[in-house]
């Protein structure tokens, strides 16, 4: 005897910023939405936890104020390599908030909007059958008219993404409690540091917690023997990070890790589903634009779907919008893990401090692609979506 199949209008797979944003936007239009998130409760994720101006505006547009959740302000960037350092003011006001807090707030907002949010719901299979999508979720079959893939950097079996332009990096994340003097020194800064075979960043999130994220080449990690050896090497080779972590307390026993990270990946085909967030594009983390791309891609996908556009049209539009920033960011990321890149970057930025601001601006989602908080197009917005107003 076959188990009953549940039927929903729209299935969103993944409960991160992209999945929650897509679900919320669909629910605003009165659609029935089921969101499946594999984790049973709030949890940490490997992420730089940086919210650019664009990301903050998207969140405000769905009644989420990161500052009210305790987000830490970021106004400056500090880049170091060995004993060399350069500083610059960011060309925008940014915030930093842990994914544990942000994702919980987004899912709570999705529930408020009427979405059915399933926690601890792992999607085991996704297939097309009988003019509908069929998903196997914890042993139950769900049929959906439309599927939005928002499952981050973790692929569903049979729905693997292509390799990125830079796919040899492994990501780590660990939260720390710094000494008060180091917390004050870090305040209002995001600190980027380069080291042999990788790079990383440190910034405050809520409750004066410091988020340390780094990426390292797989071959480098294998040679060194693991996380502990890498962290020791990075601390010994970078005086700023050594100072920051002197006397600091790691807030969980071992770092979170993710591999591979397909930096430079940009979806080129839809295959009938709406890919959002990291399923659509993975920009190198040093740009701090991953969250804004996640939110933007989800809002764009929902808007184009509601306007009667196809998943293929959406995929092409997103590619056109972020191809240039993605290409630049990936080339810079590839350079940053080389010996020459580590040597030249601080010197160039010290002599030409405006370069850092230019990079920050050039690796953002283009302003003309964004939407205002009230859902209308920005002044330089594209008219393609007027039918969705």
Protein backbone atom coordinates (compact mmCIF):
# COMPACT_ATOMS: atom_id res chain seq x y z
CA UNK A 1 0.00 0.00 0.00
CA UNK A 2 1.47 3.34 -1.07
CA UNK A 3 1.85 6.17 1.41
CA UNK A 4 -0.24 9.28 0.76
CA UNK A 5 1.44 11.99 -1.28
CA UNK A 6 1.20 15.53 0.10
CA UNK A 7 0.62 18.27 -2.43
CA UNK A 8 1.84 21.87 -2.12
CA UNK A 9 2.04 24.77 -4.52
CA UNK A 10 5.70 25.53 -3.94
CA UNK A 11 8.49 23.62 -2.22
CA UNK A 12 11.56 25.50 -1.01
CA UNK A 13 14.48 23.24 -0.14
CA UNK A 14 16.77 24.90 2.40
CA UNK A 15 16.16 27.30 5.26
CA UNK A 16 19.05 29.74 4.93
CA UNK A 17 18.71 33.38 3.80
CA UNK A 18 17.95 32.47 0.18
CA UNK A 19 15.35 29.82 1.00
CA UNK A 20 13.62 31.94 3.63
CA UNK A 21 13.56 35.00 1.36
CA UNK A 22 12.05 33.03 -1.53
CA UNK A 23 9.41 31.52 0.75
CA UNK A 24 8.52 34.91 2.25
CA UNK A 25 8.19 36.60 -1.13
CA UNK A 26 5.95 33.82 -2.44
CA UNK A 27 3.83 33.91 0.71
CA UNK A 28 3.43 37.68 0.36
CA UNK A 29 1.73 36.94 -2.96
CA UNK A 30 -0.67 34.53 -1.30
CA UNK A 31 0.99 31.31 -2.44
CA UNK A 32 1.05 28.12 -0.39
CA UNK A 33 4.66 27.37 0.46
CA UNK A 34 6.39 24.49 2.21
CA UNK A 35 9.99 25.07 3.28
CA UNK A 36 12.10 22.04 4.20
CA UNK A 37 15.17 22.64 6.38
CA UNK A 38 17.29 19.60 7.26
CA UNK A 39 18.51 20.94 10.62
CA UNK A 40 16.12 20.45 13.53
CA UNK A 41 16.91 23.76 15.26
CA UNK A 42 19.05 26.93 15.19
CA UNK A 43 22.64 26.13 14.25
CA UNK A 44 25.92 27.65 13.14
CA UNK A 45 27.08 27.53 9.52
CA UNK A 46 30.41 28.15 7.81
CA UNK A 47 29.95 31.77 6.77
CA UNK A 48 31.71 35.11 7.03
CA UNK A 49 28.45 36.50 8.51
CA UNK A 50 28.95 39.85 6.77
CA UNK A 51 25.90 41.90 5.81
CA UNK A 52 26.59 44.51 3.16
CA UNK A 53 24.34 47.52 2.62
CA UNK A 54 22.38 45.58 -0.01
CA UNK A 55 21.77 42.64 2.31
CA UNK A 56 20.61 44.93 5.11
CA UNK A 57 18.15 46.66 2.77
CA UNK A 58 16.70 43.35 1.62
CA UNK A 59 16.22 42.28 5.24
CA UNK A 60 14.57 45.54 6.18
CA UNK A 61 12.20 45.00 3.27
CA UNK A 62 10.81 41.91 5.01
CA UNK A 63 10.65 43.55 8.44
CA UNK A 64 13.92 42.19 9.83
CA UNK A 65 16.29 44.74 11.37
CA UNK A 66 19.72 43.15 11.94
CA UNK A 67 20.72 45.89 14.39
CA UNK A 68 17.77 44.92 16.60
CA UNK A 69 19.13 41.37 16.65
CA UNK A 70 22.46 42.62 17.97
CA UNK A 71 24.42 42.88 14.70
CA UNK A 72 27.84 44.51 15.08
CA UNK A 73 28.64 47.55 12.88
CA UNK A 74 31.53 47.39 10.40
CA UNK A 75 32.94 50.55 8.84
CA UNK A 76 36.54 49.67 8.01
CA UNK A 77 38.57 46.86 6.48
CA UNK A 78 42.09 45.95 7.58
CA UNK A 79 44.23 43.68 5.36
CA UNK A 80 47.39 42.04 6.65
CA UNK A 81 49.97 39.62 5.33
CA UNK A 82 52.82 38.64 7.61
CA UNK A 83 54.07 41.90 9.15
CA UNK A 84 52.48 44.16 6.50
CA UNK A 85 49.12 45.87 6.93
CA UNK A 86 46.78 48.26 5.10
CA UNK A 87 43.51 49.86 6.22
CA UNK A 88 40.62 51.58 4.45
CA UNK A 89 37.08 52.76 5.12
CA UNK A 90 34.41 50.68 3.42
CA UNK A 91 32.35 52.53 0.80
CA UNK A 92 29.17 51.53 2.68
CA UNK A 93 27.95 50.83 6.21
CA UNK A 94 27.98 47.09 6.92
CA UNK A 95 26.86 44.84 9.77
CA UNK A 96 27.86 41.41 11.01
CA UNK A 97 25.41 38.91 12.51
CA UNK A 98 25.76 35.19 13.14
CA UNK A 99 23.92 32.84 10.85
CA UNK A 100 22.46 31.08 13.89
CA UNK A 101 20.59 34.26 14.83
CA UNK A 102 19.85 35.51 11.31
CA UNK A 103 18.52 32.23 9.96
CA UNK A 104 16.28 31.76 13.00
CA UNK A 105 14.83 35.25 12.51
CA UNK A 106 14.22 34.62 8.80
CA UNK A 107 12.45 31.31 9.41
CA UNK A 108 10.33 32.87 12.13
CA UNK A 109 9.32 35.57 9.66
CA UNK A 110 8.45 32.90 7.07
CA UNK A 111 6.13 31.23 9.60
CA UNK A 112 4.52 34.59 10.38
CA UNK A 113 3.83 34.99 6.65
CA UNK A 114 2.01 31.65 6.58
CA UNK A 115 4.71 29.36 5.23
CA UNK A 116 4.79 25.77 6.43
CA UNK A 117 8.33 25.33 7.77
CA UNK A 118 9.52 21.78 8.35
CA UNK A 119 12.57 21.43 10.62
CA UNK A 120 14.71 18.30 10.61
CA UNK A 121 13.37 17.62 7.10
CA UNK A 122 16.02 16.10 4.85
CA UNK A 123 15.21 15.93 1.14
CA UNK A 124 16.44 12.53 0.04
CA UNK A 125 15.36 12.61 -3.60
CA UNK A 126 13.93 15.07 -6.12
CA UNK A 127 12.43 13.94 -9.43
CA UNK A 128 9.95 15.15 -12.05
CA UNK A 129 6.91 12.91 -12.56
CA UNK A 130 3.31 13.34 -13.74
CA UNK A 131 3.78 17.06 -14.50
CA UNK A 132 4.91 17.76 -10.93
CA UNK A 133 8.03 17.65 -8.84
CA UNK A 134 8.24 14.79 -6.36
CA UNK A 135 10.43 15.10 -3.30
CA UNK A 136 11.12 12.39 -0.76
CA UNK A 137 11.31 14.11 2.64
CA UNK A 138 11.97 11.92 5.69
CA UNK A 139 10.27 9.01 3.95
CA UNK A 140 7.20 11.01 2.87
CA UNK A 141 6.49 12.01 -0.73
CA UNK A 142 5.66 15.64 -1.43
CA UNK A 143 4.39 16.80 -4.82
CA UNK A 144 4.99 20.43 -5.75
CA UNK A 145 4.15 22.61 -8.72
CA UNK A 146 7.43 24.52 -8.37
CA UNK A 147 10.71 23.85 -6.57
CA UNK A 148 13.20 26.44 -5.34
CA UNK A 149 16.62 24.93 -4.60
CA UNK A 150 18.16 26.83 -1.70
CA UNK A 151 20.21 24.07 -0.10
CA UNK A 152 23.42 26.09 0.04
CA UNK A 153 26.74 24.48 -0.76
CA UNK A 154 25.37 20.98 -0.04
CA UNK A 155 23.92 19.33 -3.14
CA UNK A 156 20.97 16.96 -3.30
CA UNK A 157 21.84 13.60 -4.83
CA UNK A 158 21.39 13.85 -8.60
CA UNK A 159 21.40 17.67 -8.52
CA UNK A 160 25.11 18.34 -8.24
CA UNK A 161 26.38 21.69 -9.43
CA UNK A 162 29.27 22.12 -11.83
CA UNK A 163 32.71 22.81 -10.40
CA UNK A 164 33.60 26.40 -9.69
CA UNK A 165 36.55 28.26 -11.14
CA UNK A 166 38.37 27.81 -7.82
CA UNK A 167 37.32 24.55 -6.19
CA UNK A 168 40.43 23.50 -4.27
CA UNK A 169 39.62 25.33 -1.02
CA UNK A 170 38.27 24.01 2.29
CA UNK A 171 36.43 26.42 4.58
CA UNK A 172 36.60 26.61 8.40
CA UNK A 173 34.71 28.69 10.93
CA UNK A 174 35.09 29.11 14.69
CA UNK A 175 33.64 31.66 17.11
CA UNK A 176 35.86 33.12 19.83
CA UNK A 177 35.57 35.20 22.98
CA UNK A 178 38.43 37.70 22.79
CA UNK A 179 40.03 39.58 25.65
CA UNK A 180 38.34 42.98 26.18
CA UNK A 181 41.31 44.91 24.79
CA UNK A 182 41.27 42.84 21.59
CA UNK A 183 37.50 43.13 21.26
CA UNK A 184 37.86 46.91 21.34
CA UNK A 185 40.71 46.81 18.81
CA UNK A 186 38.60 44.71 16.43
CA UNK A 187 35.47 46.82 16.81
CA UNK A 188 34.11 48.42 13.59
CA UNK A 189 36.67 46.49 11.50
CA UNK A 190 36.61 43.40 9.39
CA UNK A 191 40.18 42.09 9.37
CA UNK A 192 41.33 40.08 6.36
CA UNK A 193 44.58 38.17 6.54
CA UNK A 194 46.58 36.35 3.89
CA UNK A 195 48.75 33.31 4.61
CA UNK A 196 50.51 30.64 2.52
CA UNK A 197 47.83 28.59 0.79
CA UNK A 198 44.80 30.57 1.92
CA UNK A 199 43.19 33.61 3.49
CA UNK A 200 40.68 34.41 6.20
CA UNK A 201 38.71 37.04 8.07
CA UNK A 202 37.85 38.07 11.60
CA UNK A 203 35.00 40.32 12.73
CA UNK A 204 32.62 40.76 15.63
CA UNK A 205 29.05 39.51 15.57
CA UNK A 206 26.39 39.86 18.28
CA UNK A 207 27.33 39.72 22.00
CA UNK A 208 30.92 40.80 21.15
CA UNK A 209 31.67 37.34 19.78
CA UNK A 210 34.44 37.18 17.16
CA UNK A 211 33.83 35.11 14.04
CA UNK A 212 37.00 33.61 12.53
CA UNK A 213 36.62 32.16 9.04
CA UNK A 214 39.36 30.96 6.75
CA UNK A 215 39.80 29.01 3.55
CA UNK A 216 42.86 26.88 2.83
CA UNK A 217 43.99 24.87 -0.15
CA UNK A 218 43.29 21.19 0.21
CA UNK A 219 46.90 20.24 -0.57
CA UNK A 220 48.15 22.66 2.11
CA UNK A 221 45.79 21.20 4.71
CA UNK A 222 46.86 17.67 3.83
CA UNK A 223 50.54 18.53 4.13
CA UNK A 224 50.08 20.22 7.49
CA UNK A 225 47.94 17.48 8.97
CA UNK A 226 44.73 19.29 9.85
CA UNK A 227 43.04 22.33 11.37
CA UNK A 228 45.18 22.64 14.48
CA UNK A 229 48.43 22.85 12.54
CA UNK A 230 46.95 25.34 10.07
CA UNK A 231 45.66 27.65 12.81
CA UNK A 232 48.99 27.52 14.63
CA UNK A 233 50.84 28.35 11.42
CA UNK A 234 48.53 31.24 10.56
CA UNK A 235 48.80 32.72 14.06
CA UNK A 236 52.58 32.47 14.07
CA UNK A 237 52.83 34.10 10.64
CA UNK A 238 50.43 37.00 11.20
CA UNK A 239 51.05 39.39 14.09
CA UNK A 240 47.55 40.89 14.09
CA UNK A 241 45.77 37.53 14.34
CA UNK A 242 48.31 36.43 16.93
CA UNK A 243 47.42 39.47 19.05
CA UNK A 244 43.67 38.99 18.59
CA UNK A 245 43.71 35.35 19.68
CA UNK A 246 46.16 35.79 22.55
CA UNK A 247 44.23 34.63 25.62
CA UNK A 248 41.04 34.14 23.56
CA UNK A 249 38.57 31.33 24.25
CA UNK A 250 37.20 29.17 21.43
CA UNK A 251 33.43 28.91 21.91
CA UNK A 252 33.07 25.40 20.52
CA UNK A 253 35.38 22.42 20.66
CA UNK A 254 36.16 22.13 16.97
CA UNK A 255 35.61 24.34 13.94
CA UNK A 256 32.85 23.87 11.43
CA UNK A 257 34.19 22.85 8.04
CA UNK A 258 32.91 22.65 4.48
CA UNK A 259 34.39 21.15 1.32
CA UNK A 260 34.52 21.67 -1.56
CA UNK A 261 33.73 25.37 -1.95
CA UNK A 262 32.98 26.01 -5.64
CA UNK A 263 34.12 29.64 -5.79
CA UNK A 264 33.22 31.20 -9.11
CA UNK A 265 30.32 28.84 -9.75
CA UNK A 266 27.45 30.46 -11.62
CA UNK A 267 24.46 28.37 -12.70
CA UNK A 268 24.01 28.35 -16.47
CA UNK A 269 20.99 26.02 -16.79
CA UNK A 270 17.82 25.76 -14.70
CA UNK A 271 16.66 22.23 -15.58
CA UNK A 272 13.18 23.24 -14.47
CA UNK A 273 14.01 24.36 -10.92
CA UNK A 274 14.72 27.78 -9.47
CA UNK A 275 18.22 27.81 -8.02
CA UNK A 276 18.85 30.54 -5.44
CA UNK A 277 21.68 31.43 -3.07
CA UNK A 278 24.75 29.22 -3.34
CA UNK A 279 22.83 26.92 -5.67
CA UNK A 280 22.84 29.80 -8.16
CA UNK A 281 26.18 31.47 -7.51
CA UNK A 282 29.14 31.14 -5.12
CA UNK A 283 31.25 34.27 -4.88
CA UNK A 284 34.56 34.15 -2.94
CA UNK A 285 33.94 34.94 0.70
CA UNK A 286 36.45 37.79 1.04
CA UNK A 287 34.06 40.06 -0.94
CA UNK A 288 31.42 39.88 1.80
CA UNK A 289 28.75 39.72 -0.90
CA UNK A 290 27.55 36.15 -0.46
CA UNK A 291 24.60 37.08 1.73
CA UNK A 292 23.41 39.88 -0.53
CA UNK A 293 23.59 37.58 -3.58
CA UNK A 294 21.61 34.95 -1.65
CA UNK A 295 18.87 37.43 -0.74
CA UNK A 296 18.89 39.11 -4.14
CA UNK A 297 18.73 35.86 -6.12
CA UNK A 298 15.78 34.65 -4.01
CA UNK A 299 13.84 37.90 -4.32
CA UNK A 300 14.56 38.01 -8.05
CA UNK A 301 13.49 34.39 -8.57
CA UNK A 302 10.22 34.87 -6.67
CA UNK A 303 9.47 38.10 -8.51
CA UNK A 304 10.15 36.63 -11.95
CA UNK A 305 8.17 33.49 -11.16
CA UNK A 306 5.17 35.55 -10.04
CA UNK A 307 5.49 37.62 -13.23
CA UNK A 308 5.11 34.47 -15.31
CA UNK A 309 8.76 34.21 -16.33
CA UNK A 310 10.56 30.88 -16.62
CA UNK A 311 13.36 29.45 -14.52
CA UNK A 312 15.63 29.66 -17.56
CA UNK A 313 14.90 33.38 -17.97
CA UNK A 314 15.65 33.97 -14.31
CA UNK A 315 18.93 32.04 -14.55
CA UNK A 316 20.05 34.08 -17.55
CA UNK A 317 19.07 37.35 -15.87
CA UNK A 318 20.98 36.56 -12.69
CA UNK A 319 24.03 35.54 -14.72
CA UNK A 320 23.96 38.83 -16.59
CA UNK A 321 23.71 40.77 -13.36
CA UNK A 322 26.57 39.18 -11.44
CA UNK A 323 28.91 37.71 -14.06
CA UNK A 324 31.36 40.65 -13.95
CA UNK A 325 31.58 40.89 -10.14
CA UNK A 326 31.93 37.11 -9.95
CA UNK A 327 34.75 37.05 -12.51
CA UNK A 328 36.69 39.81 -10.75
CA UNK A 329 36.20 38.31 -7.29
CA UNK A 330 37.33 34.86 -8.42
CA UNK A 331 40.47 36.18 -10.08
CA UNK A 332 41.36 38.14 -6.95
CA UNK A 333 40.70 35.08 -4.78
CA UNK A 334 42.97 32.96 -6.97
CA UNK A 335 45.70 35.61 -6.66
CA UNK A 336 45.36 35.89 -2.89
CA UNK A 337 46.44 32.29 -2.29
CA UNK A 338 49.66 32.73 -4.26
CA UNK A 339 52.99 33.90 -2.84
CA UNK A 340 53.14 36.91 -5.16
CA UNK A 341 49.59 37.92 -4.27
CA UNK A 342 50.34 37.79 -0.55
CA UNK A 343 53.44 39.89 -1.03
CA UNK A 344 51.94 42.53 -3.32
CA UNK A 345 48.46 43.05 -1.86
CA UNK A 346 49.34 45.01 1.32
CA UNK A 347 51.93 47.12 -0.50
CA UNK A 348 49.54 48.03 -3.31
CA UNK A 349 46.74 48.84 -0.91
CA UNK A 350 49.02 50.97 1.28
CA UNK A 351 50.14 53.01 -1.72
CA UNK A 352 46.67 53.12 -3.30
CA UNK A 353 44.13 52.89 -0.44
CA UNK A 354 41.25 53.70 -2.79
CA UNK A 355 41.90 50.34 -4.47
CA UNK A 356 40.32 48.52 -1.54
CA UNK A 357 37.18 50.64 -1.81
CA UNK A 358 37.07 50.06 -5.55
CA UNK A 359 37.29 46.28 -5.05
CA UNK A 360 34.54 46.39 -2.43
CA UNK A 361 32.28 48.32 -4.80
CA UNK A 362 33.17 46.36 -7.94
CA UNK A 363 32.36 42.95 -6.41
CA UNK A 364 28.82 43.92 -5.29
CA UNK A 365 25.52 43.12 -6.96
CA UNK A 366 25.08 46.02 -9.41
CA UNK A 367 22.80 48.71 -7.99
CA UNK A 368 20.60 48.61 -11.06
CA UNK A 369 19.70 44.99 -10.32
CA UNK A 370 18.40 45.67 -6.82
CA UNK A 371 14.95 46.47 -5.56
CA UNK A 372 13.87 49.02 -3.00
CA UNK A 373 12.46 47.98 0.35
CA UNK A 374 8.87 48.62 -0.74
CA UNK A 375 9.27 46.16 -3.62
CA UNK A 376 9.48 48.77 -6.37
CA UNK A 377 12.44 48.98 -8.70
CA UNK A 378 15.32 51.28 -7.82
CA UNK A 379 15.81 54.36 -9.96
CA UNK A 380 18.22 52.47 -12.17
CA UNK A 381 16.22 49.24 -11.94
CA UNK A 382 15.44 47.12 -14.97
CA UNK A 383 11.97 47.30 -16.48
CA UNK A 384 11.83 43.55 -17.08
CA UNK A 385 10.00 43.07 -13.79
CA UNK A 386 7.37 45.82 -13.98
CA UNK A 387 4.74 43.16 -14.66
CA UNK A 388 5.39 41.82 -11.19
CA UNK A 389 4.49 45.08 -9.43
